[in-house]
Amino acid sequence: MAACGDRDAELCRDDSAAFVLKFVAIASILLAGMAGIAIPLIGKHRRFLRTDGNLFVAAKAFAAGVILATGFVHMLSDATDALNNPCLPTSPWHKFPFTGFFAMTAALLTLLLDFVGTQYYERKQGVNRAVEEQARVGTSESGVEDGIVEAKDWSGKVFGEEEKGGMHIVGMHAHAAHHRHNHPHGQDACHGIGGGVRPHDHGHVHGTHEEEDSDVRHVVVSQVLELGIVSHSVIIGLSLGVSQSPCTIRPLIAALSFHQFFEGFALGGCISQAQFKTSSATIMACFFALTTPTGVGIGTAIASVYNPHSAGALVTEGILDSLSAGILVYMALVDLIAADFLSKRMSCNFRLQILNSIIIKNET
């Protein structure tokens, strides 16, 4: 079993120096996380950091790229290393690609949670668009299905709907964007952004519904995103805490502080757009900011008795890293990047599309 250990770490082992660096890591990661999540929450009342501004959209795209890179490049790689470690028995860990399996399972479960959460909050909020639309507008031209007024294309099929009537999450976003295009209103319409055209009353009613639907989506997205970020933050913090190698800890401090800042910015942006109460937003922000430092503290406390190269530790780390990767990749692609690119502001601003594409590509 000795051959399973990390020989490089043993050569660089310095318990006293590592102990000091862990306190530096806790302070640095805590400050980075607090700063990242606080900027969109505090700055939403400032003109240059408003959630509907181009600067915020571009910064959020960069943060989404950080989350995507964390899932694909870091978490999946770490999970593969852990589950393919020679310390583990050949059967079953070396005979099946468990990393991809667990990541896929987590992504599908996140999709299910995303959908169920959206349905729950819509019912809780009591939004019945069909009844309200007919009562306020008095028109029967729009298609009504399952209590939602659907915008249809020339073939009569709902935009974003699949052949058998199902509508996936991305299709829902595409449908919403198409719906807004057919009923332009305010700053969300291209003419409203560029030329200041005054919306009519019908558009105002649609604006109210879409704002309510958007709030519901942001509530679900912020909670699921925090779940994904927190799950991998605990593992990363624990890994840093149990390490006794300054050679390992020093680069981790800078890397984790960077990731914590931009993950906090993305999460803070979602919380800000969800319009949570101040108390709820503060609790979510503190929970995020404290998770990784807490993991570092727990790892430091158990460093003397914890063996990161034991079979149990490797399997646990590999599975949790895989699950975290699946959650983060899904959230980054579907609820952050795709949602922003399908928004009216993005579809009406080609330069912003190009800028965000470059930002995301460079980060990943």
Protein backbone atom coordinates (compact mmCIF):
# COMPACT_ATOMS: atom_id res chain seq x y z
CA MET A 1 0.00 0.00 0.00
CA ALA A 2 2.99 2.32 0.42
CA ALA A 3 3.38 2.45 -3.34
CA CYS A 4 -0.01 4.12 -3.51
CA GLY A 5 1.17 7.22 -1.66
CA ASP A 6 2.17 10.50 -3.25
CA ARG A 7 5.97 10.43 -3.09
CA ASP A 8 6.36 14.01 -4.32
CA ALA A 9 4.16 15.23 -1.49
CA GLU A 10 6.17 13.23 1.02
CA LEU A 11 9.41 14.82 -0.23
CA CYS A 12 7.88 18.31 0.15
CA ARG A 13 6.19 17.55 3.47
CA ASP A 14 6.44 20.31 6.08
CA ASP A 15 3.69 20.17 8.70
CA SER A 16 4.36 23.55 10.33
CA ALA A 17 4.61 25.47 7.03
CA ALA A 18 1.52 23.69 5.71
CA PHE A 19 -0.41 24.61 8.86
CA VAL A 20 0.36 28.32 8.39
CA LEU A 21 -0.51 28.18 4.69
CA LYS A 22 -3.88 26.63 5.51
CA PHE A 23 -4.83 29.70 7.56
CA VAL A 24 -3.71 31.88 4.67
CA ALA A 25 -5.88 29.77 2.37
CA ILE A 26 -8.92 30.11 4.63
CA ALA A 27 -8.58 33.90 4.73
CA SER A 28 -7.88 34.26 1.01
CA ILE A 29 -10.68 31.95 -0.15
CA LEU A 30 -13.17 33.49 2.29
CA LEU A 31 -12.42 37.04 1.13
CA ALA A 32 -12.51 36.04 -2.54
CA GLY A 33 -15.85 34.29 -2.15
CA MET A 34 -17.39 37.15 -0.17
CA ALA A 35 -16.18 39.72 -2.70
CA GLY A 36 -17.38 37.69 -5.68
CA ILE A 37 -20.90 37.07 -4.42
CA ALA A 38 -21.28 40.54 -2.88
CA ILE A 39 -20.50 42.53 -6.05
CA PRO A 40 -23.69 41.63 -7.97
CA LEU A 41 -25.84 41.72 -4.81
CA ILE A 42 -24.66 45.15 -3.68
CA GLY A 43 -24.00 46.55 -7.14
CA LYS A 44 -27.45 45.78 -8.59
CA HIS A 45 -28.53 49.28 -7.60
CA ARG A 46 -25.56 50.81 -9.43
CA ARG A 47 -26.00 51.71 -13.07
CA PHE A 48 -22.88 49.90 -14.36
CA LEU A 49 -23.67 46.67 -12.49
CA ARG A 50 -27.40 46.40 -13.13
CA THR A 51 -28.43 42.87 -14.06
CA ASP A 52 -29.80 44.05 -17.41
CA GLY A 53 -26.59 45.86 -18.36
CA ASN A 54 -24.05 44.69 -20.93
CA LEU A 55 -21.19 44.77 -18.42
CA PHE A 56 -23.02 42.44 -16.06
CA VAL A 57 -23.92 40.05 -18.90
CA ALA A 58 -20.30 39.91 -20.07
CA ALA A 59 -18.96 39.38 -16.54
CA LYS A 60 -21.54 36.67 -15.90
CA ALA A 61 -20.49 34.95 -19.15
CA PHE A 62 -16.89 34.88 -17.93
CA ALA A 63 -18.02 33.47 -14.57
CA ALA A 64 -20.08 30.82 -16.40
CA GLY A 65 -16.93 29.90 -18.33
CA VAL A 66 -15.08 29.47 -15.05
CA ILE A 67 -17.79 27.11 -13.78
CA LEU A 68 -17.79 25.16 -17.06
CA ALA A 69 -14.00 24.81 -16.93
CA THR A 70 -14.20 23.74 -13.29
CA GLY A 71 -16.56 20.93 -14.22
CA PHE A 72 -14.88 19.70 -17.40
CA VAL A 73 -11.19 20.39 -16.78
CA HIS A 74 -10.77 20.11 -13.01
CA MET A 75 -13.52 18.01 -11.45
CA LEU A 76 -13.73 15.33 -14.17
CA SER A 77 -9.94 15.07 -14.30
CA ASP A 78 -9.64 14.75 -10.52
CA ALA A 79 -12.45 12.20 -10.44
CA THR A 80 -10.77 10.12 -13.15
CA ASP A 81 -7.46 10.18 -11.28
CA ALA A 82 -9.14 9.13 -8.04
CA LEU A 83 -11.23 6.29 -9.49
CA ASN A 84 -8.33 4.99 -11.61
CA ASN A 85 -5.85 5.16 -8.76
CA PRO A 86 -3.69 2.02 -8.44
CA CYS A 87 -4.65 1.84 -4.75
CA LEU A 88 -8.14 0.73 -5.82
CA PRO A 89 -8.88 -2.89 -6.75
CA THR A 90 -8.98 -3.62 -10.47
CA SER A 91 -12.54 -4.89 -10.25
CA PRO A 92 -14.78 -2.99 -10.58
CA TRP A 93 -13.05 0.41 -10.64
CA HIS A 94 -10.70 -0.21 -13.55
CA LYS A 95 -13.19 -2.16 -15.66
CA PHE A 96 -15.90 0.49 -16.14
CA PRO A 97 -15.77 4.29 -16.81
CA PHE A 98 -17.45 5.27 -13.55
CA THR A 99 -16.41 8.92 -13.87
CA GLY A 100 -18.54 9.55 -16.94
CA PHE A 101 -21.37 7.42 -15.58
CA PHE A 102 -21.65 9.38 -12.33
CA ALA A 103 -21.29 12.72 -14.14
CA MET A 104 -24.05 11.76 -16.59
CA THR A 105 -26.29 10.61 -13.75
CA ALA A 106 -25.76 13.89 -11.89
CA ALA A 107 -26.55 15.94 -15.01
CA LEU A 108 -29.80 14.04 -15.60
CA LEU A 109 -30.81 14.33 -11.95
CA THR A 110 -30.07 18.06 -12.09
CA LEU A 111 -32.30 18.34 -15.16
CA LEU A 112 -35.06 16.56 -13.24
CA LEU A 113 -34.56 18.79 -10.20
CA ASP A 114 -34.50 21.86 -12.44
CA PHE A 115 -37.81 20.89 -14.04
CA VAL A 116 -39.56 19.79 -10.84
CA GLY A 117 -38.35 22.89 -9.00
CA THR A 118 -39.63 25.18 -11.74
CA GLN A 119 -43.04 23.47 -11.72
CA TYR A 120 -43.22 23.67 -7.93
CA TYR A 121 -42.46 27.38 -7.76
CA GLU A 122 -44.84 28.15 -10.62
CA ARG A 123 -47.67 26.38 -8.81
CA LYS A 124 -46.71 27.97 -5.50
CA GLN A 125 -46.73 31.39 -7.08
CA GLY A 126 -50.14 30.67 -8.58
CA VAL A 127 -49.27 31.84 -12.08
CA ASN A 128 -52.04 30.93 -14.50
CA ARG A 129 -51.16 32.70 -17.72
CA ALA A 130 -54.07 31.38 -19.79
CA VAL A 131 -56.77 32.73 -17.49
CA GLU A 132 -55.03 36.06 -16.94
CA GLU A 133 -54.37 36.51 -20.65
CA GLN A 134 -57.99 35.93 -21.62
CA ALA A 135 -59.30 38.12 -18.79
CA ARG A 136 -57.04 41.10 -19.44
CA VAL A 137 -56.64 41.00 -23.18
CA GLY A 138 -59.86 39.28 -24.19
CA THR A 139 -58.37 37.52 -27.17
CA SER A 140 -58.38 33.90 -28.21
CA GLU A 141 -55.77 34.18 -30.96
CA SER A 142 -52.93 32.83 -28.84
CA GLY A 143 -52.70 29.06 -28.34
CA VAL A 144 -53.41 27.84 -24.82
CA GLU A 145 -51.94 24.62 -23.48
CA ASP A 146 -51.74 23.48 -19.86
CA GLY A 147 -52.42 26.96 -18.52
CA ILE A 148 -49.66 28.62 -20.54
CA VAL A 149 -50.28 30.88 -23.52
CA GLU A 150 -48.01 29.51 -26.24
CA ALA A 151 -46.67 31.45 -29.22
CA LYS A 152 -47.00 29.27 -32.30
CA ASP A 153 -45.19 29.25 -35.63
CA TRP A 154 -46.89 29.07 -39.02
CA SER A 155 -47.25 25.29 -38.82
CA GLY A 156 -49.24 25.64 -35.60
CA LYS A 157 -46.57 23.97 -33.45
CA VAL A 158 -45.38 25.71 -30.32
CA PHE A 159 -41.95 27.25 -30.78
CA GLY A 160 -39.41 25.19 -28.85
CA GLU A 161 -41.73 22.19 -28.66
CA GLU A 162 -40.62 18.78 -29.76
CA GLU A 163 -42.51 16.52 -32.18
CA LYS A 164 -44.30 14.54 -29.46
CA GLY A 165 -45.31 17.60 -27.50
CA GLY A 166 -42.50 17.62 -24.93
CA MET A 167 -40.50 20.74 -24.21
CA HIS A 168 -37.06 20.52 -22.65
CA ILE A 169 -35.45 23.26 -20.58
CA VAL A 170 -33.54 24.83 -23.48
CA GLY A 171 -36.72 24.64 -25.56
CA MET A 172 -38.54 26.50 -22.81
CA HIS A 173 -35.96 29.28 -22.96
CA ALA A 174 -36.17 29.33 -26.78
CA HIS A 175 -39.96 29.45 -26.60
CA ALA A 176 -39.83 32.33 -24.14
CA ALA A 177 -37.47 34.27 -26.41
CA HIS A 178 -39.73 33.63 -29.42
CA HIS A 179 -42.77 34.62 -27.39
CA ARG A 180 -41.15 37.94 -26.46
CA HIS A 181 -40.23 38.49 -30.12
CA ASN A 182 -43.88 38.16 -31.17
CA HIS A 183 -44.97 40.49 -28.35
CA PRO A 184 -42.19 43.09 -27.99
CA HIS A 185 -42.23 45.25 -24.91
CA GLY A 186 -39.97 47.64 -23.08
CA GLN A 187 -36.22 47.19 -23.08
CA ASP A 188 -36.50 43.47 -23.84
CA ALA A 189 -37.63 44.15 -27.41
CA CYS A 190 -35.04 45.02 -30.04
CA HIS A 191 -36.88 48.19 -31.04
CA GLY A 192 -37.25 49.11 -27.39
CA ILE A 193 -33.52 48.74 -26.80
CA GLY A 194 -32.42 50.61 -29.83
CA GLY A 195 -35.13 53.11 -30.56
CA GLY A 196 -37.08 53.58 -27.38
CA VAL A 197 -40.44 52.50 -28.82
CA ARG A 198 -43.19 52.68 -26.25
CA PRO A 199 -44.80 49.30 -25.56
CA HIS A 200 -48.56 48.90 -25.83
CA ASP A 201 -50.79 47.52 -23.10
CA HIS A 202 -50.80 44.00 -24.53
CA GLY A 203 -47.03 43.94 -24.38
CA HIS A 204 -47.11 45.20 -20.82
CA VAL A 205 -49.28 42.25 -19.76
CA HIS A 206 -46.83 39.86 -21.41
CA GLY A 207 -43.99 41.70 -19.69
CA THR A 208 -45.56 41.06 -16.30
CA HIS A 209 -45.96 37.35 -17.04
CA GLU A 210 -42.44 36.99 -18.39
CA GLU A 211 -40.92 38.80 -15.42
CA GLU A 212 -42.77 36.42 -13.07
CA ASP A 213 -41.63 33.39 -15.10
CA SER A 214 -38.07 34.75 -15.16
CA ASP A 215 -38.10 35.20 -11.39
CA VAL A 216 -39.22 31.60 -10.93
CA ARG A 217 -36.44 30.33 -13.19
CA HIS A 218 -33.80 32.40 -11.39
CA VAL A 219 -35.00 31.11 -8.00
CA VAL A 220 -34.55 27.51 -9.14
CA VAL A 221 -31.27 28.19 -10.96
CA SER A 222 -29.70 29.97 -7.99
CA GLN A 223 -30.59 27.16 -5.58
CA VAL A 224 -29.46 24.31 -7.83
CA LEU A 225 -26.29 26.19 -8.79
CA GLU A 226 -25.44 26.74 -5.14
CA LEU A 227 -25.96 23.02 -4.51
CA GLY A 228 -23.49 22.15 -7.28
CA ILE A 229 -20.89 24.70 -6.21
CA VAL A 230 -21.13 23.77 -2.53
CA SER A 231 -20.79 20.04 -3.24
CA HIS A 232 -17.45 20.45 -4.99
CA SER A 233 -16.26 23.24 -2.66
CA VAL A 234 -16.42 20.90 0.32
CA ILE A 235 -14.28 18.29 -1.45
CA ILE A 236 -11.73 20.85 -2.66
CA GLY A 237 -11.49 22.44 0.78
CA LEU A 238 -11.11 19.04 2.41
CA SER A 239 -8.37 18.06 -0.04
CA LEU A 240 -6.43 21.22 0.71
CA GLY A 241 -6.93 20.84 4.46
CA VAL A 242 -5.57 17.29 4.69
CA SER A 243 -2.48 18.08 2.60
CA GLN A 244 0.78 18.51 4.51
CA SER A 245 2.73 19.64 1.45
CA PRO A 246 3.42 23.40 0.97
CA CYS A 247 4.25 22.59 -2.66
CA THR A 248 0.63 21.47 -3.12
CA ILE A 249 -1.04 24.14 -1.00
CA ARG A 250 0.62 27.26 -2.46
CA PRO A 251 -0.75 26.94 -6.02
CA LEU A 252 -4.12 25.80 -4.66
CA ILE A 253 -4.54 29.05 -2.72
CA ALA A 254 -4.34 31.19 -5.85
CA ALA A 255 -6.40 28.79 -7.98
CA LEU A 256 -9.18 28.32 -5.43
CA SER A 257 -9.39 32.05 -4.66
CA PHE A 258 -9.77 32.78 -8.38
CA HIS A 259 -12.46 30.15 -8.86
CA GLN A 260 -14.25 31.10 -5.66
CA PHE A 261 -14.47 34.74 -6.77
CA PHE A 262 -16.01 34.04 -10.16
CA GLU A 263 -18.24 31.22 -8.98
CA GLY A 264 -19.49 33.63 -6.34
CA PHE A 265 -20.09 36.28 -8.99
CA ALA A 266 -22.18 33.88 -11.11
CA LEU A 267 -24.16 32.71 -8.08
CA GLY A 268 -24.60 36.26 -6.80
CA GLY A 269 -25.90 37.31 -10.20
CA CYS A 270 -28.51 34.53 -10.14
CA ILE A 271 -29.54 35.42 -6.59
CA SER A 272 -29.82 39.09 -7.56
CA GLN A 273 -31.97 38.28 -10.59
CA ALA A 274 -34.18 35.97 -8.48
CA GLN A 275 -35.24 38.96 -6.34
CA PHE A 276 -34.82 37.11 -3.03
CA LYS A 277 -35.52 38.91 0.21
CA THR A 278 -32.45 40.48 1.78
CA SER A 279 -32.35 37.91 4.59
CA SER A 280 -32.58 34.94 2.20
CA ALA A 281 -29.94 36.39 -0.13
CA THR A 282 -27.62 37.01 2.82
CA ILE A 283 -28.02 33.44 4.09
CA MET A 284 -27.28 31.99 0.65
CA ALA A 285 -24.27 34.27 0.21
CA CYS A 286 -22.81 33.38 3.62
CA PHE A 287 -23.43 29.68 3.07
CA PHE A 288 -21.48 29.82 -0.20
CA ALA A 289 -18.63 31.94 1.17
CA LEU A 290 -18.11 29.73 4.23
CA THR A 291 -18.28 26.31 2.55
CA THR A 292 -14.73 26.01 1.18
CA PRO A 293 -13.04 27.58 4.24
CA THR A 294 -15.06 25.20 6.42
CA GLY A 295 -13.85 22.28 4.31
CA VAL A 296 -10.26 23.48 4.75
CA GLY A 297 -10.80 23.71 8.52
CA ILE A 298 -12.27 20.21 8.73
CA GLY A 299 -9.42 18.84 6.61
CA THR A 300 -6.86 20.52 8.85
CA ALA A 301 -8.48 19.03 11.96
CA ILE A 302 -8.47 15.47 10.62
CA ALA A 303 -5.16 15.66 8.71
CA SER A 304 -3.32 13.57 11.27
CA VAL A 305 -5.73 10.62 11.02
CA TYR A 306 -7.06 10.96 7.48
CA ASN A 307 -5.37 9.00 4.69
CA PRO A 308 -6.28 10.54 1.31
CA HIS A 309 -4.81 7.51 -0.48
CA SER A 310 -7.01 4.94 1.25
CA ALA A 311 -9.51 3.08 -0.92
CA GLY A 312 -12.51 4.59 0.88
CA ALA A 313 -11.21 8.14 0.55
CA LEU A 314 -10.40 7.72 -3.14
CA VAL A 315 -13.80 6.24 -3.99
CA THR A 316 -15.63 8.93 -2.03
CA GLU A 317 -13.59 11.71 -3.63
CA GLY A 318 -13.98 10.27 -7.13
CA ILE A 319 -17.73 9.82 -6.89
CA LEU A 320 -18.37 13.25 -5.36
CA ASP A 321 -16.08 14.94 -7.91
CA SER A 322 -17.92 13.18 -10.74
CA LEU A 323 -21.32 14.16 -9.40
CA SER A 324 -20.17 17.76 -8.90
CA ALA A 325 -18.80 17.87 -12.46
CA GLY A 326 -22.13 16.72 -13.90
CA ILE A 327 -24.04 19.35 -11.91
CA LEU A 328 -21.66 22.19 -12.80
CA VAL A 329 -21.48 21.34 -16.50
CA TYR A 330 -25.28 21.17 -16.74
CA MET A 331 -25.80 24.42 -14.86
CA ALA A 332 -23.10 26.28 -16.81
CA LEU A 333 -24.33 25.16 -20.23
CA VAL A 334 -28.10 25.13 -19.77
CA ASP A 335 -29.02 27.63 -17.06
CA LEU A 336 -26.22 30.17 -17.46
CA ILE A 337 -24.74 30.21 -20.98
CA ALA A 338 -27.74 28.97 -22.99
CA ALA A 339 -30.21 31.07 -21.01
CA ASP A 340 -28.19 34.24 -21.61
CA PHE A 341 -27.64 33.54 -25.31
CA LEU A 342 -31.37 32.94 -25.80
CA SER A 343 -32.33 36.15 -24.00
CA LYS A 344 -33.75 39.09 -25.96
CA ARG A 345 -30.85 41.36 -25.00
CA MET A 346 -28.33 38.92 -26.44
CA SER A 347 -30.30 38.11 -29.59
CA CYS A 348 -30.65 41.83 -30.34
CA ASN A 349 -26.97 42.63 -29.82
CA PHE A 350 -24.62 40.79 -32.22
CA ARG A 351 -21.52 42.43 -30.76
CA LEU A 352 -22.48 41.21 -27.29
CA GLN A 353 -22.91 37.68 -28.67
CA ILE A 354 -19.41 37.74 -30.17
CA LEU A 355 -17.90 39.24 -27.01
CA ASN A 356 -19.51 36.64 -24.73
CA SER A 357 -18.50 33.79 -27.05
CA ILE A 358 -14.87 34.95 -26.97
CA ILE A 359 -14.96 35.37 -23.17
CA ILE A 360 -16.36 31.89 -22.57
CA LYS A 361 -13.97 30.26 -25.06
CA ASN A 362 -10.91 31.97 -23.59
CA GLU A 363 -11.85 30.98 -20.06
CA THR A 364 -12.56 27.33 -20.84
